[in-house]
N, C-alpha and C. Protein backbone atom coordinates (compact mmCIF):
# COMPACT_ATOMS: atom_id res chain seq x y z
N MET A 1 -4.68 21.99 41.22
CA MET A 1 -3.37 21.38 41.26
C MET A 1 -3.36 20.12 40.39
N ALA A 2 -2.26 19.84 39.70
CA ALA A 2 -2.15 18.68 38.82
C ALA A 2 -2.10 17.39 39.63
N VAL A 3 -2.79 16.40 39.11
CA VAL A 3 -2.84 15.09 39.77
C VAL A 3 -2.20 14.07 38.85
N PRO A 4 -1.31 13.23 39.37
CA PRO A 4 -0.69 12.22 38.51
C PRO A 4 -1.73 11.23 38.00
N LYS A 5 -1.54 10.80 36.77
CA LYS A 5 -2.47 9.83 36.19
C LYS A 5 -2.10 8.43 36.66
N LYS A 6 -3.06 7.51 36.53
CA LYS A 6 -2.80 6.13 36.93
C LYS A 6 -1.86 5.46 35.94
N LYS A 7 -1.09 4.52 36.45
CA LYS A 7 -0.16 3.79 35.60
C LYS A 7 -0.93 2.87 34.65
N THR A 8 -0.51 2.82 33.39
CA THR A 8 -1.13 1.92 32.42
C THR A 8 -0.64 0.50 32.68
N SER A 9 -1.58 -0.43 32.67
CA SER A 9 -1.21 -1.82 32.95
C SER A 9 -0.41 -2.41 31.79
N LYS A 10 0.32 -3.49 32.10
CA LYS A 10 1.12 -4.15 31.07
C LYS A 10 0.23 -4.72 29.98
N SER A 11 -0.91 -5.25 30.34
CA SER A 11 -1.79 -5.85 29.33
C SER A 11 -2.34 -4.78 28.38
N LYS A 12 -2.69 -3.63 28.91
CA LYS A 12 -3.18 -2.54 28.07
C LYS A 12 -2.08 -2.04 27.14
N ARG A 13 -0.86 -1.92 27.67
CA ARG A 13 0.28 -1.50 26.87
C ARG A 13 0.56 -2.51 25.77
N ASN A 14 0.55 -3.80 26.11
CA ASN A 14 0.83 -4.84 25.13
C ASN A 14 -0.25 -4.90 24.05
N GLN A 15 -1.50 -4.68 24.46
CA GLN A 15 -2.60 -4.69 23.49
C GLN A 15 -2.44 -3.54 22.50
N ARG A 16 -2.11 -2.35 23.00
CA ARG A 16 -1.91 -1.21 22.13
C ARG A 16 -0.74 -1.45 21.17
N HIS A 17 0.33 -2.05 21.66
CA HIS A 17 1.49 -2.36 20.84
C HIS A 17 1.13 -3.38 19.76
N ALA A 18 0.33 -4.39 20.10
CA ALA A 18 -0.07 -5.42 19.14
C ALA A 18 -0.92 -4.83 18.03
N VAL A 19 -1.80 -3.90 18.36
CA VAL A 19 -2.63 -3.25 17.36
C VAL A 19 -1.75 -2.44 16.42
N TRP A 20 -0.77 -1.74 16.97
CA TRP A 20 0.14 -0.92 16.17
C TRP A 20 0.93 -1.80 15.21
N LYS A 21 1.43 -2.94 15.70
CA LYS A 21 2.20 -3.85 14.86
C LYS A 21 1.32 -4.45 13.77
N ALA A 22 0.07 -4.78 14.08
CA ALA A 22 -0.84 -5.36 13.09
C ALA A 22 -1.13 -4.36 11.98
N LYS A 23 -1.31 -3.08 12.33
CA LYS A 23 -1.54 -2.05 11.32
C LYS A 23 -0.34 -1.94 10.39
N ALA A 24 0.87 -2.02 10.95
CA ALA A 24 2.08 -1.92 10.14
C ALA A 24 2.18 -3.10 9.19
N ALA A 25 1.86 -4.30 9.66
CA ALA A 25 1.93 -5.49 8.82
C ALA A 25 0.91 -5.41 7.69
N THR A 26 -0.28 -4.92 7.99
CA THR A 26 -1.32 -4.78 6.96
C THR A 26 -0.90 -3.76 5.91
N ALA A 27 -0.34 -2.63 6.34
CA ALA A 27 0.10 -1.60 5.41
C ALA A 27 1.22 -2.11 4.52
N ALA A 28 2.15 -2.88 5.08
CA ALA A 28 3.25 -3.43 4.30
C ALA A 28 2.74 -4.42 3.26
N GLU A 29 1.78 -5.25 3.65
CA GLU A 29 1.21 -6.22 2.73
C GLU A 29 0.47 -5.52 1.59
N ARG A 30 -0.27 -4.47 1.91
CA ARG A 30 -1.00 -3.71 0.89
C ARG A 30 -0.02 -3.02 -0.07
N ALA A 31 1.06 -2.46 0.46
CA ALA A 31 2.04 -1.79 -0.38
C ALA A 31 2.71 -2.78 -1.32
N LEU A 32 3.02 -3.97 -0.84
CA LEU A 32 3.62 -5.00 -1.68
C LEU A 32 2.66 -5.42 -2.78
N SER A 33 1.39 -5.55 -2.43
CA SER A 33 0.39 -5.94 -3.42
C SER A 33 0.25 -4.88 -4.51
N ILE A 34 0.22 -3.62 -4.12
CA ILE A 34 0.11 -2.53 -5.09
C ILE A 34 1.35 -2.50 -5.98
N GLY A 35 2.51 -2.69 -5.40
CA GLY A 35 3.75 -2.72 -6.18
C GLY A 35 3.75 -3.84 -7.20
N LYS A 36 3.28 -5.01 -6.81
CA LYS A 36 3.22 -6.13 -7.74
C LYS A 36 2.25 -5.84 -8.87
N SER A 37 1.11 -5.25 -8.56
CA SER A 37 0.13 -4.96 -9.60
C SER A 37 0.64 -3.90 -10.57
N VAL A 38 1.42 -2.95 -10.08
CA VAL A 38 2.00 -1.93 -10.96
C VAL A 38 3.01 -2.59 -11.90
N LEU A 39 3.83 -3.49 -11.38
CA LEU A 39 4.84 -4.14 -12.21
C LEU A 39 4.22 -5.04 -13.27
N THR A 40 3.09 -5.65 -12.97
CA THR A 40 2.44 -6.53 -13.95
C THR A 40 1.54 -5.75 -14.90
N GLY A 41 1.27 -4.49 -14.58
CA GLY A 41 0.43 -3.67 -15.44
C GLY A 41 -1.06 -3.87 -15.22
N ARG A 42 -1.44 -4.46 -14.11
CA ARG A 42 -2.85 -4.72 -13.85
C ARG A 42 -3.46 -3.75 -12.83
N ALA A 43 -2.72 -2.71 -12.46
CA ALA A 43 -3.20 -1.77 -11.46
C ALA A 43 -4.32 -0.91 -12.04
N ARG A 44 -5.46 -0.84 -11.35
CA ARG A 44 -6.58 -0.05 -11.80
C ARG A 44 -7.13 0.87 -10.70
N GLY A 45 -6.64 0.73 -9.48
CA GLY A 45 -7.20 1.45 -8.37
C GLY A 45 -6.64 2.84 -8.15
N PHE A 46 -5.63 3.22 -8.91
CA PHE A 46 -5.03 4.52 -8.71
C PHE A 46 -4.35 4.95 -10.00
N VAL A 47 -3.95 6.21 -10.07
CA VAL A 47 -3.32 6.76 -11.27
C VAL A 47 -1.85 6.98 -10.96
N TYR A 48 -0.99 6.58 -11.87
CA TYR A 48 0.43 6.80 -11.70
C TYR A 48 1.04 7.16 -13.06
N PRO A 49 2.09 7.95 -13.07
CA PRO A 49 2.68 8.38 -14.35
C PRO A 49 3.44 7.23 -15.02
N LEU A 50 3.33 7.15 -16.33
CA LEU A 50 4.07 6.16 -17.09
C LEU A 50 5.37 6.77 -17.57
N ASP A 51 6.41 5.96 -17.68
CA ASP A 51 7.72 6.44 -18.13
C ASP A 51 7.82 6.28 -19.64
N GLN A 52 7.15 7.12 -20.36
CA GLN A 52 7.20 7.11 -21.82
C GLN A 52 7.87 8.38 -22.30
N GLU A 53 8.88 8.20 -23.13
CA GLU A 53 9.58 9.38 -23.64
C GLU A 53 8.84 9.93 -24.85
N GLU A 54 8.68 11.24 -24.86
CA GLU A 54 8.03 11.90 -25.98
C GLU A 54 9.06 12.76 -26.69
N ASP A 55 9.17 12.56 -28.00
CA ASP A 55 10.11 13.36 -28.79
C ASP A 55 9.41 14.62 -29.26
N GLU A 56 9.83 15.76 -28.74
CA GLU A 56 9.22 17.05 -29.09
C GLU A 56 10.27 17.95 -29.74
N ASP A 57 10.73 17.59 -30.92
CA ASP A 57 11.72 18.40 -31.63
C ASP A 57 11.08 19.17 -32.76
């Protein structure tokens, strides 16, 4: 027969929420940094397509 699980404490819930928020803040900071490096042309950690038009007539 199924047994109900114990209730999660407020401190455990708050700790899990704080970790989740910290991961989001870190990811946002990293994305902003990558965006800035792409705009300045100094990005070396990844490959991205350049917007160069090629005339093939």
